């Protein structure tokens, strides 16, 4: 299974953002990577493995500065995988 999201600009296109962390609700286990350069989609982070609902725990550190991120979720497991929700914790840089 693979889910490729488009670039998410958090309603401020072209503005740098510091993506500090993310929360995710998933059934099963997935890896997530982030495309971070809308002009070069081959640039992608190393994978992070996530199991279950992170909202009740500590958020997953992301620590990327970019104008937008495109998450890529993958699972090679034959067990059920269900992605219910994810959210980013970020700050706009240079915008008042």
PDB file of N, CA and C in Angstrom:
ATOM      1  N   UNK A   1       0.838  -1.154   0.000  1.00  0.00           N
ATOM      2  CA  UNK A   1       0.000   0.000   0.000  1.00  0.00           C
ATOM      3  C   UNK A   1       0.891   1.227   0.000  1.00  0.00           C
ATOM      4  N   UNK A   2       0.503   2.212  -0.794  1.00  0.00           N
ATOM      5  CA  UNK A   2       1.216   3.484  -0.808  1.00  0.00           C
ATOM      6  C   UNK A   2       0.211   4.593  -1.052  1.00  0.00           C
ATOM      7  N   UNK A   3       0.293   5.641  -0.239  1.00  0.00           N
ATOM      8  CA  UNK A   3      -0.541   6.824  -0.406  1.00  0.00           C
ATOM      9  C   UNK A   3       0.389   8.012  -0.585  1.00  0.00           C
ATOM     10  N   UNK A   4       0.305   8.665  -1.743  1.00  0.00           N
ATOM     11  CA  UNK A   4       1.107   9.854  -2.040  1.00  0.00           C
ATOM     12  C   UNK A   4       0.195  11.081  -1.984  1.00  0.00           C
ATOM     13  N   UNK A   5       0.454  11.975  -1.059  1.00  0.00           N
ATOM     14  CA  UNK A   5      -0.321  13.203  -0.973  1.00  0.00           C
ATOM     15  C   UNK A   5       0.326  14.280  -1.834  1.00  0.00           C
ATOM     16  N   UNK A   6      -0.472  15.242  -2.310  1.00  0.00           N
ATOM     17  CA  UNK A   6       0.113  16.394  -2.996  1.00  0.00           C
ATOM     18  C   UNK A   6       0.819  17.278  -1.974  1.00  0.00           C
ATOM     19  N   UNK A   7       1.543  18.279  -2.457  1.00  0.00           N
ATOM     20  CA  UNK A   7       2.203  19.205  -1.548  1.00  0.00           C
ATOM     21  C   UNK A   7       1.154  20.008  -0.780  1.00  0.00           C
ATOM     22  N   UNK A   8       1.335  20.064   0.530  1.00  0.00           N
ATOM     23  CA  UNK A   8       0.430  20.780   1.433  1.00  0.00           C
ATOM     24  C   UNK A   8       1.137  22.061   1.845  1.00  0.00           C
ATOM     25  N   UNK A   9       0.535  23.227   1.512  1.00  0.00           N
ATOM     26  CA  UNK A   9       1.182  24.509   1.805  1.00  0.00           C
ATOM     27  C   UNK A   9       0.550  25.247   2.987  1.00  0.00           C
ATOM     28  N   UNK A  10      -0.415  24.625   3.648  1.00  0.00           N
ATOM     29  CA  UNK A  10      -1.047  25.195   4.855  1.00  0.00           C
ATOM     30  C   UNK A  10      -1.620  26.587   4.602  1.00  0.00           C
ATOM     31  N   UNK A  11      -2.179  26.784   3.424  1.00  0.00           N
ATOM     32  CA  UNK A  11      -2.851  28.028   3.013  1.00  0.00           C
ATOM     33  C   UNK A  11      -1.936  29.246   2.965  1.00  0.00           C
ATOM     34  N   UNK A  12      -0.621  29.008   2.885  1.00  0.00           N
ATOM     35  CA  UNK A  12       0.329  30.114   2.699  1.00  0.00           C
ATOM     36  C   UNK A  12       1.369  29.688   1.658  1.00  0.00           C
ATOM     37  N   UNK A  13       0.962  29.639   0.387  1.00  0.00           N
ATOM     38  CA  UNK A  13       1.886  29.187  -0.657  1.00  0.00           C
ATOM     39  C   UNK A  13       3.090  30.111  -0.793  1.00  0.00           C
ATOM     40  N   UNK A  14       4.252  29.503  -1.018  1.00  0.00           N
ATOM     41  CA  UNK A  14       5.475  30.257  -1.242  1.00  0.00           C
ATOM     42  C   UNK A  14       6.124  30.803   0.020  1.00  0.00           C
ATOM     43  N   UNK A  15       5.533  30.564   1.175  1.00  0.00           N
ATOM     44  CA  UNK A  15       6.074  31.049   2.444  1.00  0.00           C
ATOM     45  C   UNK A  15       6.768  29.888   3.151  1.00  0.00           C
ATOM     46  N   UNK A  16       8.015  30.118   3.590  1.00  0.00           N
ATOM     47  CA  UNK A  16       8.716  29.077   4.347  1.00  0.00           C
ATOM     48  C   UNK A  16       7.981  28.784   5.644  1.00  0.00           C
ATOM     49  N   UNK A  17       7.964  27.509   5.998  1.00  0.00           N
ATOM     50  CA  UNK A  17       7.377  27.052   7.250  1.00  0.00           C
ATOM     51  C   UNK A  17       8.364  26.123   7.939  1.00  0.00           C
ATOM     52  N   UNK A  18       8.337  26.163   9.263  1.00  0.00           N
ATOM     53  CA  UNK A  18       9.104  25.205  10.045  1.00  0.00           C
ATOM     54  C   UNK A  18       8.113  24.150  10.521  1.00  0.00           C
ATOM     55  N   UNK A  19       8.161  22.973   9.893  1.00  0.00           N
ATOM     56  CA  UNK A  19       7.329  21.842  10.288  1.00  0.00           C
ATOM     57  C   UNK A  19       8.064  21.131  11.422  1.00  0.00           C
ATOM     58  N   UNK A  20       7.537  21.258  12.633  1.00  0.00           N
ATOM     59  CA  UNK A  20       8.221  20.738  13.821  1.00  0.00           C
ATOM     60  C   UNK A  20       7.851  19.289  14.109  1.00  0.00           C
ATOM     61  N   UNK A  21       6.570  18.954  13.931  1.00  0.00           N
ATOM     62  CA  UNK A  21       6.111  17.616  14.326  1.00  0.00           C
ATOM     63  C   UNK A  21       4.808  17.287  13.616  1.00  0.00           C
ATOM     64  N   UNK A  22       4.392  16.034  13.776  1.00  0.00           N
ATOM     65  CA  UNK A  22       3.105  15.614  13.231  1.00  0.00           C
ATOM     66  C   UNK A  22       2.458  14.631  14.186  1.00  0.00           C
ATOM     67  N   UNK A  23       1.150  14.551  14.094  1.00  0.00           N
ATOM     68  CA  UNK A  23       0.371  13.525  14.772  1.00  0.00           C
ATOM     69  C   UNK A  23      -0.342  12.728  13.705  1.00  0.00           C
ATOM     70  N   UNK A  24      -0.594  11.463  13.998  1.00  0.00           N
ATOM     71  CA  UNK A  24      -1.228  10.580  13.026  1.00  0.00           C
ATOM     72  C   UNK A  24      -2.127   9.594  13.750  1.00  0.00           C
ATOM     73  N   UNK A  25      -3.220   9.250  13.120  1.00  0.00           N
ATOM     74  CA  UNK A  25      -4.093   8.184  13.597  1.00  0.00           C
ATOM     75  C   UNK A  25      -4.134   7.130  12.507  1.00  0.00           C
ATOM     76  N   UNK A  26      -3.625   5.954  12.819  1.00  0.00           N
ATOM     77  CA  UNK A  26      -3.538   4.883  11.833  1.00  0.00           C
ATOM     78  C   UNK A  26      -3.793   3.553  12.529  1.00  0.00           C
ATOM     79  N   UNK A  27      -4.445   2.667  11.831  1.00  0.00           N
ATOM     80  CA  UNK A  27      -4.569   1.285  12.283  1.00  0.00           C
ATOM     81  C   UNK A  27      -3.495   0.503  11.551  1.00  0.00           C
ATOM     82  N   UNK A  28      -2.671  -0.217  12.291  1.00  0.00           N
ATOM     83  CA  UNK A  28      -1.566  -0.955  11.687  1.00  0.00           C
ATOM     84  C   UNK A  28      -0.278  -0.161  11.779  1.00  0.00           C
ATOM     85  N   UNK A  29       0.657  -0.509  10.897  1.00  0.00           N
ATOM     86  CA  UNK A  29       1.978   0.125  10.886  1.00  0.00           C
ATOM     87  C   UNK A  29       2.268   0.662   9.491  1.00  0.00           C
ATOM     88  N   UNK A  30       2.756   1.899   9.431  1.00  0.00           N
ATOM     89  CA  UNK A  30       3.139   2.525   8.167  1.00  0.00           C
ATOM     90  C   UNK A  30       4.501   3.179   8.327  1.00  0.00           C
ATOM     91  N   UNK A  31       5.138   3.436   7.210  1.00  0.00           N
ATOM     92  CA  UNK A  31       6.278   4.346   7.192  1.00  0.00           C
ATOM     93  C   UNK A  31       5.807   5.619   6.513  1.00  0.00           C
ATOM     94  N   UNK A  32       6.363   6.738   6.944  1.00  0.00           N
ATOM     95  CA  UNK A  32       6.046   8.008   6.307  1.00  0.00           C
ATOM     96  C   UNK A  32       7.359   8.681   5.920  1.00  0.00           C
ATOM     97  N   UNK A  33       7.354   9.234   4.715  1.00  0.00           N
ATOM     98  CA  UNK A  33       8.456  10.055   4.221  1.00  0.00           C
ATOM     99  C   UNK A  33       7.845  11.353   3.733  1.00  0.00           C
ATOM    100  N   UNK A  34       8.666  12.374   3.568  1.00  0.00           N
ATOM    101  CA  UNK A  34       8.163  13.674   3.144  1.00  0.00           C
ATOM    102  C   UNK A  34       8.941  14.185   1.943  1.00  0.00           C
ATOM    103  N   UNK A  35       8.228  14.473   0.877  1.00  0.00           N
ATOM    104  CA  UNK A  35       8.822  15.251  -0.204  1.00  0.00           C
ATOM    105  C   UNK A  35       8.793  16.693   0.283  1.00  0.00           C
ATOM    106  N   UNK A  36       9.898  17.412   0.137  1.00  0.00           N
ATOM    107  CA  UNK A  36       9.993  18.748   0.734  1.00  0.00           C
ATOM    108  C   UNK A  36      10.377  19.837  -0.261  1.00  0.00           C
ATOM    109  N   UNK A  37      10.541  19.498  -1.539  1.00  0.00           N
ATOM    110  CA  UNK A  37      10.893  20.492  -2.553  1.00  0.00           C
ATOM    111  C   UNK A  37       9.906  20.373  -3.710  1.00  0.00           C
ATOM    112  N   UNK A  38       8.918  21.275  -3.794  1.00  0.00           N
ATOM    113  CA  UNK A  38       7.934  21.187  -4.877  1.00  0.00           C
ATOM    114  C   UNK A  38       8.535  21.275  -6.275  1.00  0.00           C
ATOM    115  N   UNK A  39       9.767  21.777  -6.388  1.00  0.00           N
ATOM    116  CA  UNK A  39      10.429  21.873  -7.691  1.00  0.00           C
ATOM    117  C   UNK A  39      11.243  20.640  -8.042  1.00  0.00           C
ATOM    118  N   UNK A  40      11.417  19.721  -7.085  1.00  0.00           N
ATOM    119  CA  UNK A  40      12.172  18.486  -7.315  1.00  0.00           C
ATOM    120  C   UNK A  40      11.589  17.377  -6.442  1.00  0.00           C
ATOM    121  N   UNK A  41      10.628  16.657  -6.978  1.00  0.00           N
ATOM    122  CA  UNK A  41       9.915  15.629  -6.212  1.00  0.00           C
ATOM    123  C   UNK A  41      10.763  14.404  -5.885  1.00  0.00           C
ATOM    124  N   UNK A  42      11.990  14.348  -6.379  1.00  0.00           N
ATOM    125  CA  UNK A  42      12.874  13.230  -6.016  1.00  0.00           C
ATOM    126  C   UNK A  42      13.506  13.438  -4.644  1.00  0.00           C
ATOM    127  N   UNK A  43      13.442  14.665  -4.122  1.00  0.00           N
ATOM    128  CA  UNK A  43      13.989  14.945  -2.791  1.00  0.00           C
ATOM    129  C   UNK A  43      12.976  14.480  -1.750  1.00  0.00           C
ATOM    130  N   UNK A  44      13.388  13.482  -0.947  1.00  0.00           N
ATOM    131  CA  UNK A  44      12.484  12.870   0.018  1.00  0.00           C
ATOM    132  C   UNK A  44      13.279  12.474   1.261  1.00  0.00           C
ATOM    133  N   UNK A  45      12.643  12.575   2.418  1.00  0.00           N
ATOM    134  CA  UNK A  45      13.316  12.256   3.681  1.00  0.00           C
ATOM    135  C   UNK A  45      13.451  10.751   3.870  1.00  0.00           C
ATOM    136  N   UNK A  46      14.234  10.377   4.863  1.00  0.00           N
ATOM    137  CA  UNK A  46      14.308   8.976   5.272  1.00  0.00           C
ATOM    138  C   UNK A  46      12.972   8.580   5.899  1.00  0.00           C
ATOM    139  N   UNK A  47      12.619   7.286   5.850  1.00  0.00           N
ATOM    140  CA  UNK A  47      11.319   6.861   6.400  1.00  0.00           C
ATOM    141  C   UNK A  47      11.298   6.835   7.928  1.00  0.00           C
ATOM    142  N   UNK A  48      10.108   7.127   8.465  1.00  0.00           N
ATOM    143  CA  UNK A  48       9.820   7.020   9.898  1.00  0.00           C
ATOM    144  C   UNK A  48       8.728   5.964  10.032  1.00  0.00           C
ATOM    145  N   UNK A  49       8.901   4.983  10.910  1.00  0.00           N
ATOM    146  CA  UNK A  49       7.893   3.948  11.127  1.00  0.00           C
ATOM    147  C   UNK A  49       6.958   4.361  12.256  1.00  0.00           C
ATOM    148  N   UNK A  50       5.650   4.259  11.985  1.00  0.00           N
ATOM    149  CA  UNK A  50       4.632   4.687  12.939  1.00  0.00           C
ATOM    150  C   UNK A  50       3.594   3.575  13.102  1.00  0.00           C
ATOM    151  N   UNK A  51       3.201   3.321  14.349  1.00  0.00           N
ATOM    152  CA  UNK A  51       2.155   2.348  14.642  1.00  0.00           C
ATOM    153  C   UNK A  51       1.116   3.008  15.535  1.00  0.00           C
ATOM    154  N   UNK A  52      -0.143   2.939  15.143  1.00  0.00           N
ATOM    155  CA  UNK A  52      -1.237   3.388  16.002  1.00  0.00           C
ATOM    156  C   UNK A  52      -1.431   4.885  16.041  1.00  0.00           C
ATOM    157  N   UNK A  53      -2.109   5.341  17.078  1.00  0.00           N
ATOM    158  CA  UNK A  53      -2.521   6.721  17.271  1.00  0.00           C
ATOM    159  C   UNK A  53      -1.466   7.459  18.075  1.00  0.00           C
ATOM    160  N   UNK A  54      -0.800   8.456  17.488  1.00  0.00           N
ATOM    161  CA  UNK A  54       0.242   9.192  18.204  1.00  0.00           C
ATOM    162  C   UNK A  54      -0.323  10.337  19.029  1.00  0.00           C
ATOM    163  N   UNK A  55      -1.606  10.671  18.840  1.00  0.00           N
ATOM    164  CA  UNK A  55      -2.160  11.846  19.534  1.00  0.00           C
ATOM    165  C   UNK A  55      -2.125  11.701  21.048  1.00  0.00           C
ATOM    166  N   UNK A  56      -2.283  10.510  21.543  1.00  0.00           N
ATOM    167  CA  UNK A  56      -2.258  10.306  23.004  1.00  0.00           C
ATOM    168  C   UNK A  56      -0.830  10.230  23.549  1.00  0.00           C
ATOM    169  N   UNK A  57       0.129  10.194  22.650  1.00  0.00           N
ATOM    170  CA  UNK A  57       1.541  10.078  23.026  1.00  0.00           C
ATOM    171  C   UNK A  57       2.264  11.348  22.621  1.00  0.00           C
ATOM    172  N   UNK A  58       3.574  11.283  22.544  1.00  0.00           N
ATOM    173  CA  UNK A  58       4.365  12.404  22.065  1.00  0.00           C
ATOM    174  C   UNK A  58       4.240  12.501  20.548  1.00  0.00           C
ATOM    175  N   UNK A  59       4.192  13.717  20.012  1.00  0.00           N
ATOM    176  CA  UNK A  59       4.134  13.915  18.564  1.00  0.00           C
ATOM    177  C   UNK A  59       5.400  13.377  17.901  1.00  0.00           C
ATOM    178  N   UNK A  60       5.292  13.047  16.615  1.00  0.00           N
ATOM    179  CA  UNK A  60       6.423  12.546  15.834  1.00  0.00           C
ATOM    180  C   UNK A  60       7.247  13.748  15.350  1.00  0.00           C
ATOM    181  N   UNK A  61       8.528  13.852  15.727  1.00  0.00           N
ATOM    182  CA  UNK A  61       9.345  14.968  15.243  1.00  0.00           C
ATOM    183  C   UNK A  61       9.530  14.913  13.725  1.00  0.00           C
ATOM    184  N   UNK A  62       9.386  16.052  13.075  1.00  0.00           N
ATOM    185  CA  UNK A  62       9.587  16.149  11.626  1.00  0.00           C
ATOM    186  C   UNK A  62      10.789  17.039  11.340  1.00  0.00           C
ATOM    187  N   UNK A  63      10.788  18.262  11.856  1.00  0.00           N
ATOM    188  CA  UNK A  63      11.879  19.216  11.765  1.00  0.00           C
ATOM    189  C   UNK A  63      12.379  19.453  10.342  1.00  0.00           C
ATOM    190  N   UNK A  64      11.482  20.016   9.533  1.00  0.00           N
ATOM    191  CA  UNK A  64      11.789  20.352   8.135  1.00  0.00           C
ATOM    192  C   UNK A  64      11.359  21.796   7.889  1.00  0.00           C
ATOM    193  N   UNK A  65      12.209  22.567   7.223  1.00  0.00           N
ATOM    194  CA  UNK A  65      11.822  23.897   6.766  1.00  0.00           C
ATOM    195  C   UNK A  65      11.624  23.830   5.262  1.00  0.00           C
ATOM    196  N   UNK A  66      10.416  24.210   4.830  1.00  0.00           N
ATOM    197  CA  UNK A  66      10.053  24.148   3.416  1.00  0.00           C
ATOM    198  C   UNK A  66       8.803  24.993   3.202  1.00  0.00           C
ATOM    199  N   UNK A  67       8.503  25.313   1.958  1.00  0.00           N
ATOM    200  CA  UNK A  67       7.257  26.029   1.660  1.00  0.00           C
ATOM    201  C   UNK A  67       6.057  25.088   1.701  1.00  0.00           C
ATOM    202  N   UNK A  68       6.297  23.775   1.523  1.00  0.00           N
ATOM    203  CA  UNK A  68       5.217  22.791   1.511  1.00  0.00           C
ATOM    204  C   UNK A  68       5.805  21.397   1.699  1.00  0.00           C
ATOM    205  N   UNK A  69       4.983  20.478   2.200  1.00  0.00           N
ATOM    206  CA  UNK A  69       5.382  19.079   2.352  1.00  0.00           C
ATOM    207  C   UNK A  69       4.379  18.178   1.644  1.00  0.00           C
ATOM    208  N   UNK A  70       4.882  17.066   1.118  1.00  0.00           N
ATOM    209  CA  UNK A  70       4.026  16.051   0.503  1.00  0.00           C
ATOM    210  C   UNK A  70       4.304  14.718   1.186  1.00  0.00           C
ATOM    211  N   UNK A  71       3.436  14.305   2.124  1.00  0.00           N
ATOM    212  CA  UNK A  71       3.657  13.031   2.814  1.00  0.00           C
ATOM    213  C   UNK A  71       3.463  11.834   1.882  1.00  0.00           C
ATOM    214  N   UNK A  72       4.263  10.798   2.111  1.00  0.00           N
ATOM    215  CA  UNK A  72       4.148   9.528   1.387  1.00  0.00           C
ATOM    216  C   UNK A  72       4.078   8.430   2.447  1.00  0.00           C
ATOM    217  N   UNK A  73       2.920   7.784   2.532  1.00  0.00           N
ATOM    218  CA  UNK A  73       2.716   6.702   3.496  1.00  0.00           C
ATOM    219  C   UNK A  73       2.829   5.372   2.768  1.00  0.00           C
ATOM    220  N   UNK A  74       3.557   4.414   3.380  1.00  0.00           N
ATOM    221  CA  UNK A  74       3.746   3.098   2.761  1.00  0.00           C
ATOM    222  C   UNK A  74       3.576   1.995   3.803  1.00  0.00           C
ATOM    223  N   UNK A  75       3.132   0.840   3.320  1.00  0.00           N
ATOM    224  CA  UNK A  75       3.094  -0.361   4.153  1.00  0.00           C
ATOM    225  C   UNK A  75       3.303  -1.560   3.247  1.00  0.00           C
ATOM    226  N   UNK A  76       4.234  -2.414   3.613  1.00  0.00           N
ATOM    227  CA  UNK A  76       4.453  -3.649   2.853  1.00  0.00           C
ATOM    228  C   UNK A  76       3.886  -4.841   3.603  1.00  0.00           C
ATOM    229  N   UNK A  77       3.220  -4.574   4.728  1.00  0.00           N
ATOM    230  CA  UNK A  77       2.625  -5.608   5.557  1.00  0.00           C
ATOM    231  C   UNK A  77       1.315  -6.100   4.923  1.00  0.00           C
ATOM    232  N   UNK A  78       1.003  -7.367   5.089  1.00  0.00           N
ATOM    233  CA  UNK A  78      -0.253  -7.897   4.562  1.00  0.00           C
ATOM    234  C   UNK A  78      -1.413  -7.679   5.523  1.00  0.00           C
ATOM    235  N   UNK A  79      -1.142  -7.156   6.720  1.00  0.00           N
ATOM    236  CA  UNK A  79      -2.185  -6.879   7.702  1.00  0.00           C
ATOM    237  C   UNK A  79      -2.947  -5.606   7.318  1.00  0.00           C
ATOM    238  N   UNK A  80      -4.122  -5.431   7.933  1.00  0.00           N
ATOM    239  CA  UNK A  80      -4.946  -4.261   7.689  1.00  0.00           C
ATOM    240  C   UNK A  80      -4.192  -2.983   8.042  1.00  0.00           C
ATOM    241  N   UNK A  81      -4.273  -2.006   7.142  1.00  0.00           N
ATOM    242  CA  UNK A  81      -3.727  -0.678   7.393  1.00  0.00           C
ATOM    243  C   UNK A  81      -4.817   0.321   7.032  1.00  0.00           C
ATOM    244  N   UNK A  82      -5.067   1.237   7.961  1.00  0.00           N
ATOM    245  CA  UNK A  82      -6.087   2.256   7.719  1.00  0.00           C
ATOM    246  C   UNK A  82      -5.563   3.586   8.232  1.00  0.00           C
ATOM    247  N   UNK A  83      -5.405   4.550   7.343  1.00  0.00           N
ATOM    248  CA  UNK A  83      -4.955   5.887   7.707  1.00  0.00           C
ATOM    249  C   UNK A  83      -6.194   6.744   7.925  1.00  0.00           C
ATOM    250  N   UNK A  84      -6.405   7.194   9.166  1.00  0.00           N
ATOM    251  CA  UNK A  84      -7.598   7.971   9.485  1.00  0.00           C
ATOM    252  C   UNK A  84      -7.355   9.477   9.459  1.00  0.00           C
ATOM    253  N   UNK A  85      -6.213   9.928   9.965  1.00  0.00           N
ATOM    254  CA  UNK A  85      -5.955  11.365  10.033  1.00  0.00           C
ATOM    255  C   UNK A  85      -4.480  11.622  10.300  1.00  0.00           C
ATOM    256  N   UNK A  86      -4.032  12.804   9.870  1.00  0.00           N
ATOM    257  CA  UNK A  86      -2.709  13.283  10.262  1.00  0.00           C
ATOM    258  C   UNK A  86      -2.763  14.803  10.297  1.00  0.00           C
ATOM    259  N   UNK A  87      -1.915  15.388  11.120  1.00  0.00           N
ATOM    260  CA  UNK A  87      -1.840  16.845  11.214  1.00  0.00           C
ATOM    261  C   UNK A  87      -0.399  17.253  11.476  1.00  0.00           C
ATOM    262  N   UNK A  88      -0.062  18.456  11.001  1.00  0.00           N
ATOM    263  CA  UNK A  88       1.274  19.003  11.199  1.00  0.00           C
ATOM    264  C   UNK A  88       1.243  20.077  12.281  1.00  0.00           C
ATOM    265  N   UNK A  89       2.339  20.187  13.018  1.00  0.00           N
ATOM    266  CA  UNK A  89       2.573  21.289  13.940  1.00  0.00           C
ATOM    267  C   UNK A  89       3.659  22.129  13.279  1.00  0.00           C
ATOM    268  N   UNK A  90       3.339  23.364  12.923  1.00  0.00           N
ATOM    269  CA  UNK A  90       4.279  24.178  12.146  1.00  0.00           C
ATOM    270  C   UNK A  90       4.145  25.650  12.514  1.00  0.00           C
ATOM    271  N   UNK A  91       5.151  26.428  12.108  1.00  0.00           N
ATOM    272  CA  UNK A  91       5.133  27.888  12.242  1.00  0.00           C
ATOM    273  C   UNK A  91       5.500  28.487  10.892  1.00  0.00           C
ATOM    274  N   UNK A  92       4.754  29.515  10.485  1.00  0.00           N
ATOM    275  CA  UNK A  92       5.138  30.274   9.302  1.00  0.00           C
ATOM    276  C   UNK A  92       6.368  31.109   9.654  1.00  0.00           C
ATOM    277  N   UNK A  93       7.308  31.196   8.750  1.00  0.00           N
ATOM    278  CA  UNK A  93       8.522  31.979   8.970  1.00  0.00           C
ATOM    279  C   UNK A  93       8.465  33.249   8.137  1.00  0.00           C
ATOM    280  N   UNK A  94       8.701  34.381   8.738  1.00  0.00           N
ATOM    281  CA  UNK A  94       8.752  35.639   8.011  1.00  0.00           C
ATOM    282  C   UNK A  94       7.402  36.225   7.662  1.00  0.00           C
ATOM    283  N   UNK A  95       6.327  35.712   8.265  1.00  0.00           N
ATOM    284  CA  UNK A  95       4.989  36.228   7.989  1.00  0.00           C
ATOM    285  C   UNK A  95       4.378  36.685   9.307  1.00  0.00           C
ATOM    286  N   UNK A  96       3.827  37.899   9.304  1.00  0.00           N
ATOM    287  CA  UNK A  96       3.163  38.390  10.527  1.00  0.00           C
ATOM    288  C   UNK A  96       1.687  38.158  10.456  1.00  0.00           C
TER     289      UNK A  96
END
